[in-house]
PDB file of N, CA and C in Angstrom:
ATOM      1  N   UNK A   1     189.409 -38.821 -35.486  1.00  0.00           N
ATOM      2  CA  UNK A   1     188.327 -39.351 -36.060  1.00  0.00           C
ATOM      3  C   UNK A   1     187.108 -39.301 -35.482  1.00  0.00           C
ATOM      4  N   UNK A   2     186.057 -38.896 -36.110  1.00  0.00           N
ATOM      5  CA  UNK A   2     184.582 -39.056 -35.243  1.00  0.00           C
ATOM      6  C   UNK A   2     184.300 -40.308 -34.941  1.00  0.00           C
ATOM      7  N   UNK A   3     183.628 -40.363 -33.559  1.00  0.00           N
ATOM      8  CA  UNK A   3     183.201 -41.570 -33.122  1.00  0.00           C
ATOM      9  C   UNK A   3     181.886 -42.144 -33.860  1.00  0.00           C
ATOM     10  N   UNK A   4     180.976 -41.180 -34.276  1.00  0.00           N
ATOM     11  CA  UNK A   4     179.712 -41.323 -34.686  1.00  0.00           C
ATOM     12  C   UNK A   4     179.642 -40.793 -36.064  1.00  0.00           C
ATOM     13  N   UNK A   5     178.580 -41.421 -36.898  1.00  0.00           N
ATOM     14  CA  UNK A   5     178.604 -40.866 -38.302  1.00  0.00           C
ATOM     15  C   UNK A   5     177.992 -39.463 -38.345  1.00  0.00           C
ATOM     16  N   UNK A   6     177.148 -39.146 -37.212  1.00  0.00           N
ATOM     17  CA  UNK A   6     176.567 -37.834 -37.039  1.00  0.00           C
ATOM     18  C   UNK A   6     177.585 -36.795 -36.846  1.00  0.00           C
ATOM     19  N   UNK A   7     178.744 -37.123 -36.362  1.00  0.00           N
ATOM     20  CA  UNK A   7     179.744 -36.303 -36.166  1.00  0.00           C
ATOM     21  C   UNK A   7     180.678 -35.810 -37.496  1.00  0.00           C
ATOM     22  N   UNK A   8     180.268 -36.544 -38.583  1.00  0.00           N
ATOM     23  CA  UNK A   8     181.022 -36.413 -39.864  1.00  0.00           C
ATOM     24  C   UNK A   8     180.580 -35.002 -40.282  1.00  0.00           C
ATOM     25  N   UNK A   9     181.511 -34.229 -40.985  1.00  0.00           N
ATOM     26  CA  UNK A   9     180.933 -33.105 -41.726  1.00  0.00           C
ATOM     27  C   UNK A   9     179.886 -33.422 -42.814  1.00  0.00           C
ATOM     28  N   UNK A  10     179.155 -32.477 -43.256  1.00  0.00           N
ATOM     29  CA  UNK A  10     178.131 -32.495 -44.243  1.00  0.00           C
ATOM     30  C   UNK A  10     178.752 -33.064 -45.599  1.00  0.00           C
ATOM     31  N   UNK A  11     179.728 -32.452 -46.035  1.00  0.00           N
ATOM     32  CA  UNK A  11     180.326 -32.672 -47.325  1.00  0.00           C
ATOM     33  C   UNK A  11     180.735 -34.026 -47.330  1.00  0.00           C
ATOM     34  N   UNK A  12     181.360 -34.639 -46.158  1.00  0.00           N
ATOM     35  CA  UNK A  12     181.993 -36.035 -46.166  1.00  0.00           C
ATOM     36  C   UNK A  12     180.878 -37.000 -46.134  1.00  0.00           C
ATOM     37  N   UNK A  13     179.663 -36.753 -45.499  1.00  0.00           N
ATOM     38  CA  UNK A  13     178.551 -37.581 -45.567  1.00  0.00           C
ATOM     39  C   UNK A  13     177.895 -37.573 -46.936  1.00  0.00           C
ATOM     40  N   UNK A  14     177.942 -36.338 -47.517  1.00  0.00           N
ATOM     41  CA  UNK A  14     177.446 -36.305 -49.075  1.00  0.00           C
ATOM     42  C   UNK A  14     178.169 -37.246 -49.805  1.00  0.00           C
ATOM     43  N   UNK A  15     179.383 -37.147 -49.742  1.00  0.00           N
ATOM     44  CA  UNK A  15     180.206 -37.931 -50.647  1.00  0.00           C
ATOM     45  C   UNK A  15     180.042 -39.376 -50.371  1.00  0.00           C
ATOM     46  N   UNK A  16     179.900 -39.770 -49.210  1.00  0.00           N
ATOM     47  CA  UNK A  16     179.663 -41.269 -48.988  1.00  0.00           C
ATOM     48  C   UNK A  16     178.392 -41.713 -49.558  1.00  0.00           C
ATOM     49  N   UNK A  17     177.291 -40.747 -49.414  1.00  0.00           N
ATOM     50  CA  UNK A  17     175.841 -41.140 -49.902  1.00  0.00           C
ATOM     51  C   UNK A  17     176.063 -41.147 -51.471  1.00  0.00           C
ATOM     52  N   UNK A  18     176.602 -40.322 -52.002  1.00  0.00           N
ATOM     53  CA  UNK A  18     176.858 -40.346 -53.424  1.00  0.00           C
ATOM     54  C   UNK A  18     177.588 -41.393 -54.074  1.00  0.00           C
ATOM     55  N   UNK A  19     178.537 -41.843 -53.195  1.00  0.00           N
ATOM     56  CA  UNK A  19     179.382 -43.124 -53.726  1.00  0.00           C
ATOM     57  C   UNK A  19     178.490 -44.317 -53.621  1.00  0.00           C
ATOM     58  N   UNK A  20     177.721 -44.615 -52.599  1.00  0.00           N
ATOM     59  CA  UNK A  20     177.011 -45.748 -52.536  1.00  0.00           C
ATOM     60  C   UNK A  20     175.500 -45.737 -52.840  1.00  0.00           C
ATOM     61  N   UNK A  21     174.904 -44.585 -52.991  1.00  0.00           N
ATOM     62  CA  UNK A  21     173.614 -44.612 -53.435  1.00  0.00           C
ATOM     63  C   UNK A  21     173.401 -43.750 -54.818  1.00  0.00           C
ATOM     64  N   UNK A  22     172.529 -44.003 -55.601  1.00  0.00           N
ATOM     65  CA  UNK A  22     172.397 -43.289 -56.765  1.00  0.00           C
ATOM     66  C   UNK A  22     171.251 -42.374 -56.666  1.00  0.00           C
ATOM     67  N   UNK A  23     170.504 -42.067 -55.505  1.00  0.00           N
ATOM     68  CA  UNK A  23     169.555 -41.258 -55.396  1.00  0.00           C
ATOM     69  C   UNK A  23     169.966 -39.969 -55.456  1.00  0.00           C
ATOM     70  N   UNK A  24     169.228 -38.910 -55.646  1.00  0.00           N
ATOM     71  CA  UNK A  24     169.572 -37.373 -55.649  1.00  0.00           C
ATOM     72  C   UNK A  24     169.551 -37.080 -54.204  1.00  0.00           C
ATOM     73  N   UNK A  25     170.210 -35.989 -53.715  1.00  0.00           N
ATOM     74  CA  UNK A  25     170.320 -35.701 -52.569  1.00  0.00           C
ATOM     75  C   UNK A  25     169.137 -35.295 -51.777  1.00  0.00           C
ATOM     76  N   UNK A  26     168.239 -34.521 -52.612  1.00  0.00           N
ATOM     77  CA  UNK A  26     166.917 -34.073 -52.010  1.00  0.00           C
ATOM     78  C   UNK A  26     165.969 -35.307 -51.981  1.00  0.00           C
ATOM     79  N   UNK A  27     166.090 -36.408 -52.471  1.00  0.00           N
ATOM     80  CA  UNK A  27     165.158 -37.664 -52.505  1.00  0.00           C
ATOM     81  C   UNK A  27     165.580 -38.479 -51.272  1.00  0.00           C
ATOM     82  N   UNK A  28     166.753 -38.267 -50.711  1.00  0.00           N
ATOM     83  CA  UNK A  28     167.047 -39.034 -49.438  1.00  0.00           C
ATOM     84  C   UNK A  28     166.278 -38.688 -48.325  1.00  0.00           C
ATOM     85  N   UNK A  29     165.774 -39.642 -47.599  1.00  0.00           N
ATOM     86  CA  UNK A  29     164.888 -39.240 -46.438  1.00  0.00           C
ATOM     87  C   UNK A  29     165.790 -39.606 -45.266  1.00  0.00           C
ATOM     88  N   UNK A  30     165.631 -38.631 -44.081  1.00  0.00           N
ATOM     89  CA  UNK A  30     166.148 -38.803 -42.923  1.00  0.00           C
ATOM     90  C   UNK A  30     165.245 -40.032 -42.310  1.00  0.00           C
ATOM     91  N   UNK A  31     166.007 -40.498 -41.306  1.00  0.00           N
ATOM     92  CA  UNK A  31     165.368 -41.579 -40.442  1.00  0.00           C
ATOM     93  C   UNK A  31     164.236 -40.860 -39.759  1.00  0.00           C
ATOM     94  N   UNK A  32     164.334 -39.773 -39.424  1.00  0.00           N
ATOM     95  CA  UNK A  32     163.242 -39.003 -38.653  1.00  0.00           C
ATOM     96  C   UNK A  32     162.178 -38.770 -39.870  1.00  0.00           C
ATOM     97  N   UNK A  33     162.361 -38.521 -40.967  1.00  0.00           N
ATOM     98  CA  UNK A  33     161.379 -38.249 -41.942  1.00  0.00           C
ATOM     99  C   UNK A  33     160.523 -39.582 -42.305  1.00  0.00           C
ATOM    100  N   UNK A  34     161.333 -40.610 -42.186  1.00  0.00           N
ATOM    101  CA  UNK A  34     160.850 -42.141 -42.464  1.00  0.00           C
ATOM    102  C   UNK A  34     159.775 -42.340 -41.438  1.00  0.00           C
ATOM    103  N   UNK A  35     160.410 -42.106 -40.111  1.00  0.00           N
ATOM    104  CA  UNK A  35     159.497 -42.350 -38.908  1.00  0.00           C
ATOM    105  C   UNK A  35     158.372 -41.524 -39.009  1.00  0.00           C
ATOM    106  N   UNK A  36     158.345 -40.213 -39.155  1.00  0.00           N
ATOM    107  CA  UNK A  36     157.151 -39.420 -39.368  1.00  0.00           C
ATOM    108  C   UNK A  36     156.134 -39.890 -40.179  1.00  0.00           C
ATOM    109  N   UNK A  37     156.587 -40.485 -41.554  1.00  0.00           N
ATOM    110  CA  UNK A  37     155.911 -40.793 -42.506  1.00  0.00           C
ATOM    111  C   UNK A  37     155.139 -42.224 -42.155  1.00  0.00           C
ATOM    112  N   UNK A  38     156.000 -42.953 -41.471  1.00  0.00           N
ATOM    113  CA  UNK A  38     155.286 -44.330 -41.012  1.00  0.00           C
ATOM    114  C   UNK A  38     154.336 -43.971 -39.844  1.00  0.00           C
ATOM    115  N   UNK A  39     154.480 -43.169 -39.089  1.00  0.00           N
ATOM    116  CA  UNK A  39     153.708 -42.666 -37.951  1.00  0.00           C
ATOM    117  C   UNK A  39     152.397 -42.147 -38.508  1.00  0.00           C
ATOM    118  N   UNK A  40     152.382 -41.353 -39.567  1.00  0.00           N
ATOM    119  CA  UNK A  40     151.168 -40.723 -40.378  1.00  0.00           C
ATOM    120  C   UNK A  40     150.499 -41.919 -40.936  1.00  0.00           C
ATOM    121  N   UNK A  41     151.031 -42.875 -41.572  1.00  0.00           N
ATOM    122  CA  UNK A  41     150.407 -43.963 -42.419  1.00  0.00           C
ATOM    123  C   UNK A  41     149.725 -44.870 -41.207  1.00  0.00           C
ATOM    124  N   UNK A  42     150.463 -45.176 -39.904  1.00  0.00           N
ATOM    125  CA  UNK A  42     149.619 -45.795 -38.832  1.00  0.00           C
ATOM    126  C   UNK A  42     148.476 -45.068 -38.313  1.00  0.00           C
ATOM    127  N   UNK A  43     148.591 -43.872 -38.277  1.00  0.00           N
ATOM    128  CA  UNK A  43     147.382 -43.115 -37.622  1.00  0.00           C
ATOM    129  C   UNK A  43     146.313 -43.059 -38.766  1.00  0.00           C
ATOM    130  N   UNK A  44     146.660 -42.994 -39.988  1.00  0.00           N
ATOM    131  CA  UNK A  44     145.692 -42.958 -41.176  1.00  0.00           C
ATOM    132  C   UNK A  44     144.995 -44.407 -41.134  1.00  0.00           C
ATOM    133  N   UNK A  45     145.908 -45.168 -40.835  1.00  0.00           N
ATOM    134  CA  UNK A  45     145.184 -46.785 -40.896  1.00  0.00           C
ATOM    135  C   UNK A  45     144.128 -46.881 -39.855  1.00  0.00           C
ATOM    136  N   UNK A  46     144.595 -46.481 -38.581  1.00  0.00           N
ATOM    137  CA  UNK A  46     143.732 -46.518 -37.580  1.00  0.00           C
ATOM    138  C   UNK A  46     142.492 -45.886 -37.701  1.00  0.00           C
ATOM    139  N   UNK A  47     142.617 -44.605 -38.152  1.00  0.00           N
ATOM    140  CA  UNK A  47     141.497 -43.777 -38.543  1.00  0.00           C
ATOM    141  C   UNK A  47     140.484 -44.471 -39.449  1.00  0.00           C
ATOM    142  N   UNK A  48     140.995 -45.038 -40.554  1.00  0.00           N
ATOM    143  CA  UNK A  48     140.197 -45.695 -41.546  1.00  0.00           C
ATOM    144  C   UNK A  48     139.495 -46.859 -40.925  1.00  0.00           C
ATOM    145  N   UNK A  49     140.186 -47.689 -40.089  1.00  0.00           N
ATOM    146  CA  UNK A  49     139.671 -48.810 -39.464  1.00  0.00           C
ATOM    147  C   UNK A  49     138.452 -48.454 -38.569  1.00  0.00           C
ATOM    148  N   UNK A  50     138.648 -47.367 -37.745  1.00  0.00           N
ATOM    149  CA  UNK A  50     137.457 -46.958 -37.055  1.00  0.00           C
ATOM    150  C   UNK A  50     136.337 -46.586 -38.033  1.00  0.00           C
ATOM    151  N   UNK A  51     136.543 -45.795 -38.969  1.00  0.00           N
ATOM    152  CA  UNK A  51     135.501 -45.469 -39.829  1.00  0.00           C
ATOM    153  C   UNK A  51     134.804 -46.476 -40.595  1.00  0.00           C
ATOM    154  N   UNK A  52     135.527 -47.546 -40.956  1.00  0.00           N
ATOM    155  CA  UNK A  52     134.846 -48.713 -41.563  1.00  0.00           C
ATOM    156  C   UNK A  52     134.158 -49.448 -40.535  1.00  0.00           C
ATOM    157  N   UNK A  53     134.550 -49.672 -39.378  1.00  0.00           N
ATOM    158  CA  UNK A  53     133.599 -50.334 -38.325  1.00  0.00           C
ATOM    159  C   UNK A  53     132.401 -49.589 -38.139  1.00  0.00           C
ATOM    160  N   UNK A  54     132.423 -48.202 -38.112  1.00  0.00           N
ATOM    161  CA  UNK A  54     131.278 -47.435 -37.861  1.00  0.00           C
ATOM    162  C   UNK A  54     130.280 -47.412 -39.037  1.00  0.00           C
ATOM    163  N   UNK A  55     130.821 -47.302 -40.412  1.00  0.00           N
ATOM    164  CA  UNK A  55     130.219 -47.455 -41.599  1.00  0.00           C
ATOM    165  C   UNK A  55     129.423 -48.952 -41.620  1.00  0.00           C
ATOM    166  N   UNK A  56     130.071 -49.926 -41.282  1.00  0.00           N
ATOM    167  CA  UNK A  56     129.664 -51.268 -41.330  1.00  0.00           C
ATOM    168  C   UNK A  56     128.427 -51.412 -40.448  1.00  0.00           C
ATOM    169  N   UNK A  57     128.759 -50.839 -39.246  1.00  0.00           N
ATOM    170  CA  UNK A  57     127.623 -50.933 -38.053  1.00  0.00           C
ATOM    171  C   UNK A  57     126.286 -50.300 -38.573  1.00  0.00           C
ATOM    172  N   UNK A  58     126.561 -49.015 -39.236  1.00  0.00           N
ATOM    173  CA  UNK A  58     125.548 -48.241 -39.681  1.00  0.00           C
ATOM    174  C   UNK A  58     124.714 -48.949 -40.765  1.00  0.00           C
ATOM    175  N   UNK A  59     125.435 -49.380 -41.790  1.00  0.00           N
ATOM    176  CA  UNK A  59     125.011 -50.029 -42.974  1.00  0.00           C
ATOM    177  C   UNK A  59     124.307 -51.329 -42.769  1.00  0.00           C
ATOM    178  N   UNK A  60     124.878 -52.255 -41.886  1.00  0.00           N
ATOM    179  CA  UNK A  60     124.299 -53.538 -41.687  1.00  0.00           C
ATOM    180  C   UNK A  60     123.603 -53.660 -40.417  1.00  0.00           C
ATOM    181  N   UNK A  61     123.657 -52.558 -39.741  1.00  0.00           N
ATOM    182  CA  UNK A  61     122.894 -52.772 -38.358  1.00  0.00           C
ATOM    183  C   UNK A  61     123.317 -53.859 -37.325  1.00  0.00           C
ATOM    184  N   UNK A  62     124.592 -53.937 -37.358  1.00  0.00           N
ATOM    185  CA  UNK A  62     125.143 -55.035 -36.742  1.00  0.00           C
ATOM    186  C   UNK A  62     126.639 -54.696 -36.385  1.00  0.00           C
ATOM    187  N   UNK A  63     127.205 -55.273 -35.389  1.00  0.00           N
ATOM    188  CA  UNK A  63     128.514 -55.095 -34.965  1.00  0.00           C
ATOM    189  C   UNK A  63     129.410 -55.763 -35.829  1.00  0.00           C
ATOM    190  N   UNK A  64     130.576 -55.373 -36.194  1.00  0.00           N
ATOM    191  CA  UNK A  64     131.598 -56.158 -37.041  1.00  0.00           C
ATOM    192  C   UNK A  64     132.223 -57.258 -36.134  1.00  0.00           C
ATOM    193  N   UNK A  65     132.390 -58.355 -36.540  1.00  0.00           N
ATOM    194  CA  UNK A  65     132.996 -59.510 -35.638  1.00  0.00           C
ATOM    195  C   UNK A  65     134.631 -59.188 -35.405  1.00  0.00           C
ATOM    196  N   UNK A  66     134.917 -59.808 -34.386  1.00  0.00           N
ATOM    197  CA  UNK A  66     136.307 -59.745 -34.093  1.00  0.00           C
ATOM    198  C   UNK A  66     137.176 -60.358 -35.222  1.00  0.00           C
ATOM    199  N   UNK A  67     136.763 -61.400 -35.758  1.00  0.00           N
ATOM    200  CA  UNK A  67     137.471 -62.014 -36.729  1.00  0.00           C
ATOM    201  C   UNK A  67     137.672 -60.980 -38.055  1.00  0.00           C
ATOM    202  N   UNK A  68     136.624 -60.319 -38.422  1.00  0.00           N
ATOM    203  CA  UNK A  68     136.661 -59.333 -39.499  1.00  0.00           C
ATOM    204  C   UNK A  68     137.635 -58.268 -39.105  1.00  0.00           C
ATOM    205  N   UNK A  69     137.523 -57.751 -37.985  1.00  0.00           N
ATOM    206  CA  UNK A  69     138.471 -56.707 -37.331  1.00  0.00           C
ATOM    207  C   UNK A  69     139.924 -56.973 -37.514  1.00  0.00           C
ATOM    208  N   UNK A  70     140.216 -58.240 -37.072  1.00  0.00           N
ATOM    209  CA  UNK A  70     141.522 -58.736 -37.364  1.00  0.00           C
ATOM    210  C   UNK A  70     141.883 -58.775 -38.840  1.00  0.00           C
ATOM    211  N   UNK A  71     141.031 -59.198 -39.730  1.00  0.00           N
ATOM    212  CA  UNK A  71     141.354 -59.067 -41.149  1.00  0.00           C
ATOM    213  C   UNK A  71     141.658 -57.803 -41.761  1.00  0.00           C
ATOM    214  N   UNK A  72     140.690 -56.698 -41.250  1.00  0.00           N
ATOM    215  CA  UNK A  72     140.939 -55.434 -41.814  1.00  0.00           C
ATOM    216  C   UNK A  72     142.064 -54.698 -41.098  1.00  0.00           C
ATOM    217  N   UNK A  73     142.571 -54.965 -39.883  1.00  0.00           N
ATOM    218  CA  UNK A  73     143.601 -54.494 -39.186  1.00  0.00           C
ATOM    219  C   UNK A  73     144.983 -54.786 -39.932  1.00  0.00           C
ATOM    220  N   UNK A  74     144.985 -55.990 -40.820  1.00  0.00           N
ATOM    221  CA  UNK A  74     145.900 -56.338 -41.534  1.00  0.00           C
ATOM    222  C   UNK A  74     146.097 -55.820 -42.851  1.00  0.00           C
ATOM    223  N   UNK A  75     145.075 -55.071 -43.390  1.00  0.00           N
ATOM    224  CA  UNK A  75     145.152 -54.492 -44.632  1.00  0.00           C
ATOM    225  C   UNK A  75     145.937 -53.116 -44.845  1.00  0.00           C
ATOM    226  N   UNK A  76     146.461 -52.918 -46.008  1.00  0.00           N
ATOM    227  CA  UNK A  76     147.136 -51.652 -46.383  1.00  0.00           C
ATOM    228  C   UNK A  76     146.166 -50.506 -46.343  1.00  0.00           C
ATOM    229  N   UNK A  77     146.772 -49.315 -46.262  1.00  0.00           N
ATOM    230  CA  UNK A  77     145.901 -48.205 -46.143  1.00  0.00           C
ATOM    231  C   UNK A  77     145.225 -48.006 -47.564  1.00  0.00           C
ATOM    232  N   UNK A  78     145.815 -48.383 -48.486  1.00  0.00           N
ATOM    233  CA  UNK A  78     145.162 -48.288 -49.781  1.00  0.00           C
ATOM    234  C   UNK A  78     144.072 -49.146 -49.940  1.00  0.00           C
ATOM    235  N   UNK A  79     144.282 -50.306 -49.432  1.00  0.00           N
ATOM    236  CA  UNK A  79     143.020 -51.289 -49.328  1.00  0.00           C
ATOM    237  C   UNK A  79     141.853 -50.799 -48.390  1.00  0.00           C
ATOM    238  N   UNK A  80     142.323 -50.318 -47.159  1.00  0.00           N
ATOM    239  CA  UNK A  80     141.362 -49.789 -46.426  1.00  0.00           C
ATOM    240  C   UNK A  80     140.428 -48.605 -46.972  1.00  0.00           C
ATOM    241  N   UNK A  81     141.119 -47.852 -47.768  1.00  0.00           N
ATOM    242  CA  UNK A  81     140.466 -46.646 -48.389  1.00  0.00           C
ATOM    243  C   UNK A  81     139.380 -47.409 -49.349  1.00  0.00           C
ATOM    244  N   UNK A  82     139.714 -48.286 -50.220  1.00  0.00           N
ATOM    245  CA  UNK A  82     138.804 -49.025 -51.087  1.00  0.00           C
ATOM    246  C   UNK A  82     137.546 -49.658 -50.270  1.00  0.00           C
ATOM    247  N   UNK A  83     138.000 -50.391 -49.190  1.00  0.00           N
ATOM    248  CA  UNK A  83     137.025 -50.916 -48.375  1.00  0.00           C
ATOM    249  C   UNK A  83     135.962 -49.799 -48.203  1.00  0.00           C
ATOM    250  N   UNK A  84     136.440 -48.847 -47.396  1.00  0.00           N
ATOM    251  CA  UNK A  84     135.494 -47.730 -46.905  1.00  0.00           C
ATOM    252  C   UNK A  84     134.728 -47.166 -47.956  1.00  0.00           C
ATOM    253  N   UNK A  85     135.282 -46.907 -49.102  1.00  0.00           N
ATOM    254  CA  UNK A  85     134.473 -46.309 -50.204  1.00  0.00           C
ATOM    255  C   UNK A  85     133.469 -47.219 -50.859  1.00  0.00           C
ATOM    256  N   UNK A  86     133.711 -48.740 -50.682  1.00  0.00           N
ATOM    257  CA  UNK A  86     132.661 -49.458 -51.325  1.00  0.00           C
ATOM    258  C   UNK A  86     131.606 -49.942 -50.325  1.00  0.00           C
ATOM    259  N   UNK A  87     131.707 -49.626 -49.047  1.00  0.00           N
ATOM    260  CA  UNK A  87     130.684 -50.065 -47.989  1.00  0.00           C
ATOM    261  C   UNK A  87     129.355 -49.543 -48.516  1.00  0.00           C
ATOM    262  N   UNK A  88     129.225 -48.316 -48.842  1.00  0.00           N
ATOM    263  CA  UNK A  88     127.734 -47.880 -49.304  1.00  0.00           C
ATOM    264  C   UNK A  88     127.095 -48.717 -50.445  1.00  0.00           C
ATOM    265  N   UNK A  89     127.966 -49.201 -51.300  1.00  0.00           N
ATOM    266  CA  UNK A  89     127.514 -49.939 -52.316  1.00  0.00           C
ATOM    267  C   UNK A  89     127.215 -51.475 -52.242  1.00  0.00           C
ATOM    268  N   UNK A  90     127.670 -52.054 -50.866  1.00  0.00           N
ATOM    269  CA  UNK A  90     127.560 -53.493 -50.712  1.00  0.00           C
ATOM    270  C   UNK A  90     126.296 -53.480 -50.190  1.00  0.00           C
ATOM    271  N   UNK A  91     125.614 -54.773 -50.541  1.00  0.00           N
ATOM    272  CA  UNK A  91     124.358 -55.080 -50.207  1.00  0.00           C
ATOM    273  C   UNK A  91     124.065 -56.213 -49.109  1.00  0.00           C
ATOM    274  N   UNK A  92     125.226 -56.660 -48.725  1.00  0.00           N
ATOM    275  CA  UNK A  92     125.208 -57.717 -47.677  1.00  0.00           C
ATOM    276  C   UNK A  92     126.447 -57.726 -46.914  1.00  0.00           C
ATOM    277  N   UNK A  93     126.458 -58.350 -45.757  1.00  0.00           N
ATOM    278  CA  UNK A  93     127.610 -58.580 -44.884  1.00  0.00           C
ATOM    279  C   UNK A  93     128.564 -59.459 -45.681  1.00  0.00           C
ATOM    280  N   UNK A  94     127.960 -60.595 -46.232  1.00  0.00           N
ATOM    281  CA  UNK A  94     128.745 -61.397 -47.154  1.00  0.00           C
ATOM    282  C   UNK A  94     129.576 -60.785 -48.105  1.00  0.00           C
ATOM    283  N   UNK A  95     129.043 -59.824 -48.738  1.00  0.00           N
ATOM    284  CA  UNK A  95     129.655 -58.950 -49.884  1.00  0.00           C
ATOM    285  C   UNK A  95     131.005 -58.149 -49.260  1.00  0.00           C
ATOM    286  N   UNK A  96     130.704 -57.749 -47.958  1.00  0.00           N
ATOM    287  CA  UNK A  96     131.790 -56.935 -47.301  1.00  0.00           C
ATOM    288  C   UNK A  96     132.854 -58.040 -46.923  1.00  0.00           C
ATOM    289  N   UNK A  97     132.450 -59.177 -46.394  1.00  0.00           N
ATOM    290  CA  UNK A  97     133.548 -60.064 -46.079  1.00  0.00           C
ATOM    291  C   UNK A  97     134.347 -60.607 -47.311  1.00  0.00           C
ATOM    292  N   UNK A  98     133.758 -60.944 -48.537  1.00  0.00           N
ATOM    293  CA  UNK A  98     134.442 -61.078 -49.630  1.00  0.00           C
ATOM    294  C   UNK A  98     135.324 -60.273 -50.231  1.00  0.00           C
ATOM    295  N   UNK A  99     134.817 -59.081 -50.095  1.00  0.00           N
ATOM    296  CA  UNK A  99     135.635 -57.996 -50.596  1.00  0.00           C
ATOM    297  C   UNK A  99     136.940 -57.714 -49.655  1.00  0.00           C
ATOM    298  N   UNK A 100     136.907 -57.790 -48.458  1.00  0.00           N
ATOM    299  CA  UNK A 100     138.176 -57.562 -47.725  1.00  0.00           C
ATOM    300  C   UNK A 100     139.068 -58.731 -47.720  1.00  0.00           C
ATOM    301  N   UNK A 101     138.602 -60.061 -48.121  1.00  0.00           N
ATOM    302  CA  UNK A 101     139.431 -61.022 -48.136  1.00  0.00           C
ATOM    303  C   UNK A 101     140.019 -61.324 -49.477  1.00  0.00           C
ATOM    304  N   UNK A 102     139.593 -60.483 -50.527  1.00  0.00           N
ATOM    305  CA  UNK A 102     140.329 -60.597 -51.741  1.00  0.00           C
ATOM    306  C   UNK A 102     141.590 -60.106 -51.785  1.00  0.00           C
TER     307      UNK A 102
END
């Protein structure tokens, strides 16, 4: 009997997944795939945060506060993209803060 699940034959693993999961075989992600995806999201988030800080400083001629940095660091990548795209349209730092706290 195999000591680890990774030692099971492919067909046996497929049967186990088919029995307990309703997903198609090609939809299942390996742990490595999931980690790569999470890593890409993390890097993407960091890049967005850096670009938001730079755009904020250029737009408002002021450094972004540590408090606001903490707020944006907790935003999703999707929200960070919206924030970055809205900075050129914002006419005040208050509008920026209002937008990120929504």
